[in-house]
Amino acid sequence: MKKIIKDDNGKEVEVDLEKFMRHIDQFHKTGTSIHDEDGHYFTVNDDFRNKLNNMRNK
């Protein structure tokens, strides 16, 4: 399922939500870290993980 999310600079990025979330769960499961997606940076923390989960459940 393709979704549009905003990176840390506010730019819209289209991602395959399931694939993106699998990576986040595998490599960014807890705490705060930075994820690089094709040159777009995302601060991954509990708020970001919750936002992704909410997008998946809609």
N, C-alpha and C. Protein backbone atom coordinates (compact mmCIF):
# COMPACT_ATOMS: atom_id res chain seq x y z
N MET A 1 0.85 -1.16 0.00
CA MET A 1 0.00 0.00 0.00
C MET A 1 0.91 1.24 0.00
N LYS A 2 0.79 2.05 -1.01
CA LYS A 2 1.59 3.27 -1.13
C LYS A 2 0.93 4.40 -0.34
N LYS A 3 1.74 5.12 0.40
CA LYS A 3 1.27 6.26 1.19
C LYS A 3 2.26 7.40 1.04
N ILE A 4 1.76 8.61 1.23
CA ILE A 4 2.60 9.81 1.22
C ILE A 4 2.87 10.21 2.67
N ILE A 5 4.15 10.34 3.01
CA ILE A 5 4.53 10.84 4.32
C ILE A 5 5.51 12.00 4.13
N LYS A 6 5.64 12.83 5.13
CA LYS A 6 6.55 13.98 5.04
C LYS A 6 7.84 13.67 5.78
N ASP A 7 8.96 14.03 5.12
CA ASP A 7 10.25 13.86 5.76
C ASP A 7 10.51 14.99 6.76
N ASP A 8 11.70 14.99 7.35
CA ASP A 8 12.01 16.00 8.37
C ASP A 8 12.05 17.42 7.81
N ASN A 9 12.19 17.56 6.49
CA ASN A 9 12.19 18.88 5.85
C ASN A 9 10.81 19.27 5.33
N GLY A 10 9.80 18.43 5.58
CA GLY A 10 8.44 18.74 5.14
C GLY A 10 8.15 18.35 3.70
N LYS A 11 9.10 17.65 3.05
CA LYS A 11 8.88 17.21 1.67
C LYS A 11 8.07 15.92 1.67
N GLU A 12 7.14 15.82 0.73
CA GLU A 12 6.31 14.62 0.62
C GLU A 12 7.08 13.51 -0.07
N VAL A 13 6.98 12.31 0.49
CA VAL A 13 7.68 11.14 -0.02
C VAL A 13 6.68 10.00 -0.11
N GLU A 14 6.62 9.34 -1.27
CA GLU A 14 5.75 8.17 -1.41
C GLU A 14 6.52 6.93 -0.99
N VAL A 15 5.94 6.15 -0.09
CA VAL A 15 6.58 4.92 0.39
C VAL A 15 5.58 3.78 0.31
N ASP A 16 6.12 2.57 0.18
CA ASP A 16 5.33 1.36 0.36
C ASP A 16 5.22 1.18 1.87
N LEU A 17 4.07 1.47 2.43
CA LEU A 17 3.91 1.56 3.88
C LEU A 17 4.30 0.26 4.59
N GLU A 18 3.88 -0.88 4.08
CA GLU A 18 4.19 -2.15 4.74
C GLU A 18 5.70 -2.41 4.75
N LYS A 19 6.35 -2.21 3.62
CA LYS A 19 7.80 -2.41 3.54
C LYS A 19 8.54 -1.42 4.44
N PHE A 20 8.11 -0.17 4.41
CA PHE A 20 8.71 0.88 5.24
C PHE A 20 8.57 0.52 6.71
N MET A 21 7.39 0.08 7.12
CA MET A 21 7.15 -0.25 8.53
C MET A 21 7.93 -1.49 8.96
N ARG A 22 8.10 -2.46 8.06
CA ARG A 22 8.92 -3.64 8.39
C ARG A 22 10.34 -3.20 8.71
N HIS A 23 10.88 -2.30 7.88
CA HIS A 23 12.23 -1.80 8.12
C HIS A 23 12.31 -1.05 9.45
N ILE A 24 11.34 -0.18 9.69
CA ILE A 24 11.32 0.59 10.94
C ILE A 24 11.25 -0.36 12.14
N ASP A 25 10.40 -1.38 12.07
CA ASP A 25 10.27 -2.35 13.16
C ASP A 25 11.56 -3.13 13.37
N GLN A 26 12.27 -3.42 12.28
CA GLN A 26 13.49 -4.21 12.37
C GLN A 26 14.68 -3.39 12.87
N PHE A 27 14.84 -2.18 12.37
CA PHE A 27 16.06 -1.42 12.64
C PHE A 27 15.86 -0.20 13.55
N HIS A 28 14.62 0.21 13.76
CA HIS A 28 14.35 1.42 14.55
C HIS A 28 13.22 1.17 15.54
N LYS A 29 13.23 -0.01 16.17
CA LYS A 29 12.10 -0.45 16.99
C LYS A 29 11.88 0.39 18.25
N THR A 30 12.96 0.86 18.86
CA THR A 30 12.83 1.63 20.10
C THR A 30 13.72 2.86 20.05
N GLY A 31 13.46 3.77 20.96
CA GLY A 31 14.29 4.96 21.07
C GLY A 31 14.08 5.93 19.93
N THR A 32 15.08 6.78 19.73
CA THR A 32 15.03 7.79 18.67
C THR A 32 16.23 7.60 17.77
N SER A 33 15.98 7.59 16.46
CA SER A 33 17.05 7.44 15.48
C SER A 33 16.63 8.15 14.20
N ILE A 34 17.56 8.20 13.26
CA ILE A 34 17.30 8.82 11.96
C ILE A 34 17.27 7.73 10.90
N HIS A 35 16.24 7.74 10.08
CA HIS A 35 16.13 6.82 8.95
C HIS A 35 16.31 7.60 7.66
N ASP A 36 17.15 7.09 6.76
CA ASP A 36 17.40 7.69 5.44
C ASP A 36 16.68 6.86 4.40
N GLU A 37 15.75 7.47 3.71
CA GLU A 37 14.99 6.81 2.64
C GLU A 37 15.26 7.57 1.35
N ASP A 38 16.22 7.06 0.56
CA ASP A 38 16.56 7.69 -0.73
C ASP A 38 16.85 9.18 -0.59
N GLY A 39 17.63 9.54 0.43
CA GLY A 39 18.00 10.94 0.62
C GLY A 39 17.00 11.76 1.41
N HIS A 40 15.93 11.15 1.84
CA HIS A 40 14.94 11.81 2.70
C HIS A 40 15.15 11.28 4.12
N TYR A 41 15.21 12.18 5.07
CA TYR A 41 15.49 11.80 6.45
C TYR A 41 14.25 11.90 7.32
N PHE A 42 14.10 10.89 8.17
CA PHE A 42 12.96 10.81 9.08
C PHE A 42 13.49 10.57 10.49
N THR A 43 13.05 11.39 11.42
CA THR A 43 13.35 11.15 12.83
C THR A 43 12.35 10.11 13.32
N VAL A 44 12.87 8.95 13.69
CA VAL A 44 12.02 7.84 14.12
C VAL A 44 12.00 7.82 15.64
N ASN A 45 10.82 8.03 16.18
CA ASN A 45 10.61 7.98 17.63
C ASN A 45 9.21 7.41 17.86
N ASP A 46 8.77 7.38 19.10
CA ASP A 46 7.45 6.80 19.39
C ASP A 46 6.34 7.52 18.64
N ASP A 47 6.41 8.84 18.55
CA ASP A 47 5.38 9.59 17.82
C ASP A 47 5.33 9.18 16.35
N PHE A 48 6.49 9.04 15.72
CA PHE A 48 6.55 8.67 14.31
C PHE A 48 6.02 7.24 14.11
N ARG A 49 6.43 6.31 14.99
CA ARG A 49 5.94 4.93 14.88
C ARG A 49 4.43 4.88 15.06
N ASN A 50 3.88 5.66 16.00
CA ASN A 50 2.43 5.71 16.20
C ASN A 50 1.73 6.28 14.97
N LYS A 51 2.31 7.31 14.36
CA LYS A 51 1.74 7.90 13.15
C LYS A 51 1.67 6.85 12.03
N LEU A 52 2.73 6.07 11.87
CA LEU A 52 2.73 5.03 10.84
C LEU A 52 1.67 3.98 11.13
N ASN A 53 1.57 3.56 12.39
CA ASN A 53 0.55 2.57 12.77
C ASN A 53 -0.85 3.09 12.50
N ASN A 54 -1.10 4.36 12.79
CA ASN A 54 -2.41 4.95 12.52
C ASN A 54 -2.71 4.98 11.03
N MET A 55 -1.70 5.27 10.21
CA MET A 55 -1.89 5.28 8.76
C MET A 55 -2.24 3.89 8.26
N ARG A 56 -1.59 2.87 8.82
CA ARG A 56 -1.84 1.49 8.39
C ARG A 56 -3.25 1.05 8.77
N ASN A 57 -3.75 1.52 9.89
CA ASN A 57 -5.05 1.08 10.38
C ASN A 57 -6.22 1.81 9.75
N LYS A 58 -5.96 2.82 8.91
CA LYS A 58 -7.06 3.56 8.26
C LYS A 58 -7.53 2.83 7.03
